[in-house]
C-alpha atoms as a PDB file:
ATOM      1  CA  MET A   1      -0.092  -0.353   0.087  1.00  0.00           C
ATOM      2  CA  SER A   2       1.200   3.247  -0.628  1.00  0.00           C
ATOM      3  CA  ASP A   3       2.031   6.377   0.914  1.00  0.00           C
ATOM      4  CA  GLY A   4      -0.119   8.300  -1.419  1.00  0.00           C
ATOM      5  CA  PRO A   5      -3.768   6.910  -0.764  1.00  0.00           C
ATOM      6  CA  THR A   6      -2.916   6.352   2.530  1.00  0.00           C
ATOM      7  CA  ALA A   7      -2.291   9.891   3.266  1.00  0.00           C
ATOM      8  CA  PHE A   8      -5.668  10.609   1.268  1.00  0.00           C
ATOM      9  CA  ILE A   9      -8.459   8.225   2.951  1.00  0.00           C
ATOM     10  CA  ALA A  10      -6.373   9.782   6.052  1.00  0.00           C
ATOM     11  CA  ALA A  11      -7.090  13.307   4.873  1.00  0.00           C
ATOM     12  CA  ASN A  12     -10.297  13.076   3.664  1.00  0.00           C
ATOM     13  CA  THR A  13     -12.538  11.161   5.897  1.00  0.00           C
ATOM     14  CA  GLU A  14     -13.305  11.178   9.414  1.00  0.00           C
ATOM     15  CA  ILE A  15     -13.759   7.198  11.853  1.00  0.00           C
ATOM     16  CA  GLN A  16     -17.604   6.759  11.810  1.00  0.00           C
ATOM     17  CA  THR A  17     -19.620   3.627  12.612  1.00  0.00           C
ATOM     18  CA  THR A  18     -23.443   2.858  10.971  1.00  0.00           C
ATOM     19  CA  ARG A  19     -27.041   2.824  12.822  1.00  0.00           C
ATOM     20  CA  LEU A  20     -26.699  -0.743  11.711  1.00  0.00           C
ATOM     21  CA  LEU A  21     -23.026  -1.861  12.071  1.00  0.00           C
ATOM     22  CA  PRO A  22     -21.222  -0.152  15.179  1.00  0.00           C
ATOM     23  CA  GLU A  23     -19.239  -2.868  16.249  1.00  0.00           C
ATOM     24  CA  ILE A  24     -17.509  -2.277  12.842  1.00  0.00           C
ATOM     25  CA  ARG A  25     -15.013   1.306  12.436  1.00  0.00           C
ATOM     26  CA  LEU A  26     -14.507   2.758   9.326  1.00  0.00           C
ATOM     27  CA  HIS A  27     -13.244   5.697   7.230  1.00  0.00           C
ATOM     28  CA  LEU A  28     -15.852   7.281   5.790  1.00  0.00           C
ATOM     29  CA  ALA A  29     -16.577  10.809   4.424  1.00  0.00           C
ATOM     30  CA  SER A  30     -19.933  12.182   5.013  1.00  0.00           C
ATOM     31  CA  GLU A  31     -21.764  13.404   1.590  1.00  0.00           C
ATOM     32  CA  ASN A  32     -20.973  17.210   2.785  1.00  0.00           C
ATOM     33  CA  MET A  33     -17.157  16.577   3.221  1.00  0.00           C
ATOM     34  CA  ALA A  34     -14.804  17.893  -0.072  1.00  0.00           C
ATOM     35  CA  ILE A  35     -14.199  14.286  -1.195  1.00  0.00           C
ATOM     36  CA  TRP A  36     -17.365  14.211  -2.186  1.00  0.00           C
ATOM     37  CA  ARG A  37     -17.626  17.884  -3.855  1.00  0.00           C
ATOM     38  CA  MET A  38     -14.816  17.527  -5.812  1.00  0.00           C
ATOM     39  CA  SER A  39     -15.123  18.107  -9.833  1.00  0.00           C
ATOM     40  CA  ASP A  40     -14.109  15.265 -12.269  1.00  0.00           C
ATOM     41  CA  GLU A  41     -10.991  17.420 -13.257  1.00  0.00           C
ATOM     42  CA  GLU A  42      -9.727  17.872  -9.694  1.00  0.00           C
ATOM     43  CA  ARG A  43     -10.092  14.043  -9.181  1.00  0.00           C
ATOM     44  CA  SER A  44      -8.767  13.530 -12.154  1.00  0.00           C
ATOM     45  CA  ALA A  45      -5.707  16.236 -11.332  1.00  0.00           C
ATOM     46  CA  ALA A  46      -5.313  14.077  -7.624  1.00  0.00           C
ATOM     47  CA  GLY A  47      -5.541  10.756  -9.546  1.00  0.00           C
ATOM     48  CA  VAL A  48      -8.196  10.366  -7.386  1.00  0.00           C
ATOM     49  CA  PRO A  49     -11.648   7.483  -8.677  1.00  0.00           C
ATOM     50  CA  LEU A  50     -14.812   8.237  -7.755  1.00  0.00           C
ATOM     51  CA  PRO A  51     -14.636   7.432  -4.229  1.00  0.00           C
ATOM     52  CA  TYR A  52     -16.693   4.586  -3.532  1.00  0.00           C
ATOM     53  CA  TRP A  53     -14.608   3.333  -0.885  1.00  0.00           C
ATOM     54  CA  ALA A  54     -15.449   6.293   1.636  1.00  0.00           C
ATOM     55  CA  PHE A  55     -19.146   5.472   1.885  1.00  0.00           C
ATOM     56  CA  ALA A  56     -20.908   2.614   3.171  1.00  0.00           C
ATOM     57  CA  TRP A  57     -23.426   1.201   0.560  1.00  0.00           C
ATOM     58  CA  ALA A  58     -26.935  -0.210   1.356  1.00  0.00           C
ATOM     59  CA  GLY A  59     -26.517  -4.083   0.271  1.00  0.00           C
ATOM     60  CA  GLY A  60     -22.917  -4.550   1.618  1.00  0.00           C
ATOM     61  CA  GLN A  61     -24.205  -3.275   5.189  1.00  0.00           C
ATOM     62  CA  ALA A  62     -26.713  -5.787   4.560  1.00  0.00           C
ATOM     63  CA  LEU A  63     -24.002  -8.474   3.594  1.00  0.00           C
ATOM     64  CA  ALA A  64     -21.647  -7.328   6.650  1.00  0.00           C
ATOM     65  CA  ARG A  65     -24.916  -7.625   8.979  1.00  0.00           C
ATOM     66  CA  TYR A  66     -25.466 -10.817   8.059  1.00  0.00           C
ATOM     67  CA  LEU A  67     -21.894 -12.144   7.898  1.00  0.00           C
ATOM     68  CA  LEU A  68     -21.144 -11.016  11.944  1.00  0.00           C
ATOM     69  CA  ASP A  69     -25.353 -12.591  12.830  1.00  0.00           C
ATOM     70  CA  HIS A  70     -24.415 -15.945  11.448  1.00  0.00           C
ATOM     71  CA  PRO A  71     -20.875 -16.631  12.018  1.00  0.00           C
ATOM     72  CA  ALA A  72     -21.561 -20.392  11.855  1.00  0.00           C
ATOM     73  CA  ALA A  73     -22.049 -19.843   8.314  1.00  0.00           C
ATOM     74  CA  VAL A  74     -18.903 -18.274   7.407  1.00  0.00           C
ATOM     75  CA  ALA A  75     -16.449 -19.364   9.998  1.00  0.00           C
ATOM     76  CA  GLY A  76     -13.181 -21.198   8.631  1.00  0.00           C
ATOM     77  CA  LYS A  77     -14.406 -20.334   4.982  1.00  0.00           C
ATOM     78  CA  ARG A  78     -11.895 -19.163   2.257  1.00  0.00           C
ATOM     79  CA  LEU A  79     -14.138 -16.398   1.394  1.00  0.00           C
ATOM     80  CA  LEU A  80     -13.316 -13.853  -1.882  1.00  0.00           C
ATOM     81  CA  ASP A  81     -14.840 -10.509  -1.408  1.00  0.00           C
ATOM     82  CA  ILE A  82     -15.303  -8.584  -4.907  1.00  0.00           C
ATOM     83  CA  GLY A  83     -15.628  -4.680  -5.322  1.00  0.00           C
ATOM     84  CA  ALA A  84     -14.434  -4.342  -1.725  1.00  0.00           C
ATOM     85  CA  GLY A  85     -14.985  -0.923  -1.559  1.00  0.00           C
ATOM     86  CA  SER A  86     -14.332   0.502   2.526  1.00  0.00           C
ATOM     87  CA  GLY A  87     -13.485  -3.026   3.516  1.00  0.00           C
ATOM     88  CA  LEU A  88     -16.974  -3.426   5.162  1.00  0.00           C
ATOM     89  CA  GLU A  89     -18.163  -6.567   4.032  1.00  0.00           C
ATOM     90  CA  ALA A  90     -14.729  -8.506   4.561  1.00  0.00           C
ATOM     91  CA  ILE A  91     -13.592  -7.222   8.025  1.00  0.00           C
ATOM     92  CA  ALA A  92     -17.118  -8.385   8.779  1.00  0.00           C
ATOM     93  CA  GLY A  93     -16.249 -11.925   7.333  1.00  0.00           C
ATOM     94  CA  ALA A  94     -12.987 -11.893   8.794  1.00  0.00           C
ATOM     95  CA  MET A  95     -14.961 -11.000  12.266  1.00  0.00           C
ATOM     96  CA  ALA A  96     -17.374 -13.886  11.603  1.00  0.00           C
ATOM     97  CA  GLY A  97     -14.288 -16.321  11.532  1.00  0.00           C
ATOM     98  CA  ALA A  98     -13.387 -16.495   7.460  1.00  0.00           C
ATOM     99  CA  ARG A  99     -10.282 -16.378   5.955  1.00  0.00           C
ATOM    100  CA  VAL A 100     -10.919 -13.681   3.372  1.00  0.00           C
ATOM    101  CA  LEU A 101      -9.472 -11.791   0.549  1.00  0.00           C
ATOM    102  CA  ALA A 102     -10.794  -8.807  -0.404  1.00  0.00           C
ATOM    103  CA  ALA A 103     -10.462  -7.599  -4.186  1.00  0.00           C
ATOM    104  CA  ASP A 104     -11.152  -4.030  -5.549  1.00  0.00           C
ATOM    105  CA  THR A 105      -9.461  -2.618  -9.276  1.00  0.00           C
ATOM    106  CA  ASP A 106      -9.399   0.904  -7.437  1.00  0.00           C
ATOM    107  CA  PRO A 107      -6.355   1.643  -5.430  1.00  0.00           C
ATOM    108  CA  PHE A 108      -7.503   3.726  -3.274  1.00  0.00           C
ATOM    109  CA  ALA A 109      -9.828   1.040  -2.001  1.00  0.00           C
ATOM    110  CA  ALA A 110      -7.563  -1.588  -1.354  1.00  0.00           C
ATOM    111  CA  ALA A 111      -6.030   0.865   0.930  1.00  0.00           C
ATOM    112  CA  ALA A 112      -8.487   1.644   2.592  1.00  0.00           C
ATOM    113  CA  THR A 113      -9.974  -1.844   3.281  1.00  0.00           C
ATOM    114  CA  GLU A 114      -6.201  -2.443   4.661  1.00  0.00           C
ATOM    115  CA  MET A 115      -6.420   0.836   6.648  1.00  0.00           C
ATOM    116  CA  ASN A 116     -10.157  -0.258   7.664  1.00  0.00           C
ATOM    117  CA  ALA A 117      -9.359  -3.796   8.387  1.00  0.00           C
ATOM    118  CA  LYS A 118      -6.770  -2.541  10.790  1.00  0.00           C
ATOM    119  CA  LEU A 119      -8.591  -0.085  12.467  1.00  0.00           C
ATOM    120  CA  ASN A 120     -10.647  -3.286  13.454  1.00  0.00           C
ATOM    121  CA  GLY A 121      -8.050  -5.603  14.485  1.00  0.00           C
ATOM    122  CA  VAL A 122      -8.762  -7.889  11.908  1.00  0.00           C
ATOM    123  CA  ARG A 123      -6.607 -10.255   9.350  1.00  0.00           C
ATOM    124  CA  LEU A 124      -7.368 -10.604   6.021  1.00  0.00           C
ATOM    125  CA  GLU A 125      -5.818 -10.588   2.062  1.00  0.00           C
ATOM    126  CA  VAL A 126      -6.218  -7.465   0.304  1.00  0.00           C
ATOM    127  CA  THR A 127      -5.104  -7.457  -3.504  1.00  0.00           C
ATOM    128  CA  SER A 128      -6.089  -4.698  -6.279  1.00  0.00           C
ATOM    129  CA  HIS A 129      -5.939  -7.365  -9.289  1.00  0.00           C
ATOM    130  CA  ASP A 130      -8.984  -7.887 -10.756  1.00  0.00           C
ATOM    131  CA  PRO A 131     -10.607 -11.450 -10.493  1.00  0.00           C
ATOM    132  CA  ILE A 132     -13.959 -12.001 -11.971  1.00  0.00           C
ATOM    133  CA  GLY A 133     -13.076 -14.435 -14.956  1.00  0.00           C
ATOM    134  CA  GLY A 134     -10.614 -16.664 -12.779  1.00  0.00           C
ATOM    135  CA  MET A 135     -11.808 -19.915 -11.432  1.00  0.00           C
ATOM    136  CA  GLU A 136      -9.486 -20.479  -8.150  1.00  0.00           C
ATOM    137  CA  GLN A 137     -11.672 -22.233  -6.050  1.00  0.00           C
ATOM    138  CA  TRP A 138     -13.506 -20.326  -3.273  1.00  0.00           C
ATOM    139  CA  ASP A 139     -16.008 -21.290  -0.322  1.00  0.00           C
ATOM    140  CA  LEU A 140     -18.238 -18.897  -0.008  1.00  0.00           C
ATOM    141  CA  VAL A 141     -18.259 -15.174  -2.897  1.00  0.00           C
ATOM    142  CA  MET A 142     -19.826 -12.047  -2.018  1.00  0.00           C
ATOM    143  CA  VAL A 143     -20.249  -9.413  -3.509  1.00  0.00           C
ATOM    144  CA  GLY A 144     -22.258  -6.109  -2.448  1.00  0.00           C
ATOM    145  CA  ASP A 145     -23.994  -3.306  -4.295  1.00  0.00           C
ATOM    146  CA  LEU A 146     -22.049  -4.136  -7.629  1.00  0.00           C
ATOM    147  CA  PHE A 147     -25.242  -4.483 -10.343  1.00  0.00           C
ATOM    148  CA  PHE A 148     -25.342  -1.173 -10.728  1.00  0.00           C
ATOM    149  CA  GLU A 149     -23.826  -0.747 -14.328  1.00  0.00           C
ATOM    150  CA  GLN A 150     -25.442  -3.544 -17.364  1.00  0.00           C
ATOM    151  CA  PRO A 151     -21.546  -4.330 -18.514  1.00  0.00           C
ATOM    152  CA  LEU A 152     -20.329  -4.835 -15.527  1.00  0.00           C
ATOM    153  CA  ALA A 153     -22.964  -6.727 -14.311  1.00  0.00           C
ATOM    154  CA  ASP A 154     -23.192  -9.028 -17.317  1.00  0.00           C
ATOM    155  CA  ARG A 155     -19.882 -10.190 -17.091  1.00  0.00           C
ATOM    156  CA  LEU A 156     -19.856 -10.889 -13.256  1.00  0.00           C
ATOM    157  CA  GLU A 157     -23.194 -12.938 -12.831  1.00  0.00           C
ATOM    158  CA  ALA A 158     -22.084 -15.297 -15.766  1.00  0.00           C
ATOM    159  CA  TRP A 159     -18.754 -15.174 -13.869  1.00  0.00           C
ATOM    160  CA  LEU A 160     -20.454 -16.394 -10.319  1.00  0.00           C
ATOM    161  CA  ARG A 161     -22.611 -18.459 -12.032  1.00  0.00           C
ATOM    162  CA  GLU A 162     -19.166 -20.686 -13.184  1.00  0.00           C
ATOM    163  CA  LEU A 163     -18.209 -20.462  -9.674  1.00  0.00           C
ATOM    164  CA  TYR A 164     -21.336 -21.446  -8.560  1.00  0.00           C
ATOM    165  CA  ARG A 165     -21.096 -24.478 -10.545  1.00  0.00           C
ATOM    166  CA  GLY A 166     -17.844 -25.811  -9.433  1.00  0.00           C
ATOM    167  CA  GLY A 167     -19.247 -25.399  -5.430  1.00  0.00           C
ATOM    168  CA  ALA A 168     -18.800 -21.908  -4.381  1.00  0.00           C
ATOM    169  CA  GLU A 169     -21.766 -20.336  -2.405  1.00  0.00           C
ATOM    170  CA  ILE A 170     -22.665 -16.581  -3.513  1.00  0.00           C
ATOM    171  CA  LEU A 171     -23.510 -14.290  -1.824  1.00  0.00           C
ATOM    172  CA  ILE A 172     -24.826 -10.863  -3.001  1.00  0.00           C
ATOM    173  CA  GLY A 173     -25.657  -7.499  -0.886  1.00  0.00           C
ATOM    174  CA  ASP A 174     -28.185  -5.305  -2.799  1.00  0.00           C
ATOM    175  CA  PRO A 175     -31.047  -3.475  -2.087  1.00  0.00           C
ATOM    176  CA  ARG A 176     -31.963  -4.084  -6.123  1.00  0.00           C
ATOM    177  CA  ARG A 177     -29.961  -2.304  -8.109  1.00  0.00           C
ATOM    178  CA  THR A 178     -31.120  -2.264 -11.555  1.00  0.00           C
ATOM    179  CA  TYR A 179     -29.216  -5.003 -12.719  1.00  0.00           C
ATOM    180  CA  LEU A 180     -29.965  -7.422 -10.147  1.00  0.00           C
ATOM    181  CA  PRO A 181     -29.956 -10.444 -11.986  1.00  0.00           C
ATOM    182  CA  ARG A 182     -34.391 -11.224 -11.623  1.00  0.00           C
ATOM    183  CA  ARG A 183     -33.977 -14.988 -11.561  1.00  0.00           C
ATOM    184  CA  GLY A 184     -31.371 -17.748  -9.782  1.00  0.00           C
ATOM    185  CA  LEU A 185     -31.807 -15.703  -6.697  1.00  0.00           C
ATOM    186  CA  GLU A 186     -32.964 -16.688  -3.140  1.00  0.00           C
ATOM    187  CA  LYS A 187     -33.677 -14.028  -0.476  1.00  0.00           C
ATOM    188  CA  LEU A 188     -32.338 -14.440   2.716  1.00  0.00           C
ATOM    189  CA  ILE A 189     -33.217 -11.437   5.071  1.00  0.00           C
ATOM    190  CA  THR A 190     -33.801  -7.459   4.384  1.00  0.00           C
ATOM    191  CA  TYR A 191     -32.720  -5.163   6.277  1.00  0.00           C
ATOM    192  CA  ALA A 192     -34.137  -0.961   6.621  1.00  0.00           C
ATOM    193  CA  VAL A 193     -30.809   0.004   6.455  1.00  0.00           C
ATOM    194  CA  PRO A 194     -30.325   4.102   7.226  1.00  0.00           C
ATOM    195  CA  THR A 195     -28.358   6.234   4.377  1.00  0.00           C
ATOM    196  CA  THR A 196     -28.318   9.488   2.697  1.00  0.00           C
ATOM    197  CA  SER A 197     -30.687  10.867   0.170  1.00  0.00           C
ATOM    198  CA  ALA A 198     -27.292  12.544  -1.180  1.00  0.00           C
ATOM    199  CA  LEU A 199     -24.786   9.709  -2.685  1.00  0.00           C
ATOM    200  CA  GLU A 200     -28.549   6.775  -2.652  1.00  0.00           C
ATOM    201  CA  ASP A 201     -31.715   8.109  -3.305  1.00  0.00           C
ATOM    202  CA  SER A 202     -33.578   8.194  -0.639  1.00  0.00           C
ATOM    203  CA  ASP A 203     -32.502   8.217   3.324  1.00  0.00           C
ATOM    204  CA  LEU A 204     -33.699   4.350   3.694  1.00  0.00           C
ATOM    205  CA  ARG A 205     -32.958   1.815   1.874  1.00  0.00           C
ATOM    206  CA  ASN A 206     -34.448  -2.160   1.986  1.00  0.00           C
ATOM    207  CA  ALA A 207     -31.338  -3.884   1.177  1.00  0.00           C
ATOM    208  CA  SER A 208     -31.558  -7.733   1.008  1.00  0.00           C
ATOM    209  CA  VAL A 209     -28.569 -10.824   1.435  1.00  0.00           C
ATOM    210  CA  TRP A 210     -29.233 -13.151  -1.571  1.00  0.00           C
ATOM    211  CA  ARG A 211     -27.447 -16.579  -2.002  1.00  0.00           C
ATOM    212  CA  MET A 212     -27.375 -17.913  -5.906  1.00  0.00           C
ATOM    213  CA  VAL A 213     -29.668 -20.700  -6.671  1.00  0.00           C
ATOM    214  CA  ASP A 214     -30.119 -22.915  -9.578  1.00  0.00           C
ATOM    215  CA  VAL A 215     -32.087 -21.077 -12.981  1.00  0.00           C
END
C-alpha cells in the first residue's frame, strides 16, 4: 500500500460507524465533506477515482450484518469479497471467522480496506487484481452493490454462475439495483438500512442478502 492513497484517505475521511453496524469502525466521508464535492477535473488532477470506498453502501451493510449475525455460516471458510470498497463486508467476514481475500481494482479502495481492517483489529488479505473470470476455488464469494452498470453486471453474473456450478456459495448484498439478476437468487433476509439521499436515492433503503441458486 503506497503512502499516497493512505495519506489521502486519512486527510479526507473521519472514523465513523453506521447505525446498522456499530461494531465496525470505518474511514468514511459524509456527503458534505470535500471528497464528494470534487469535480471530475479535480479528481483527475489528484489521481483519485470516484471514492466509492468512502461510503458504506446499503447492500454491503446488509451483507456485513448478515455475516456477523450468522458466524457459523462463514467460520473457517475461504471467502472472496469482490469490489470490496471500504472493506466493510470483508471485515465482517474476518470477524465471523472466515479467511478473507478482499479484491478491488481501485488502489484507494485497497488502501482503505487495509486501513479499516487494521482499525478493527482483524487480519485479511487485500488485492487490486481483478479476479472476475478467474476460476480459483472459494468456499464463499460475496458481492455488495455491484449490479449498477450493465456491462459489469453481465460479466459478473456469468462468472458467479461458473463459480456456483463449481461448488462455491454466492452471497449478494443489494437493494434491488437496476441490473441485479431477476432469476436464480433466493432472498435470505432484508434489512432497513439508514443511508443518505445525497448518495443513494433515499434516506432509508431496504437491502437484502441473496443466495445464488439454480436458475
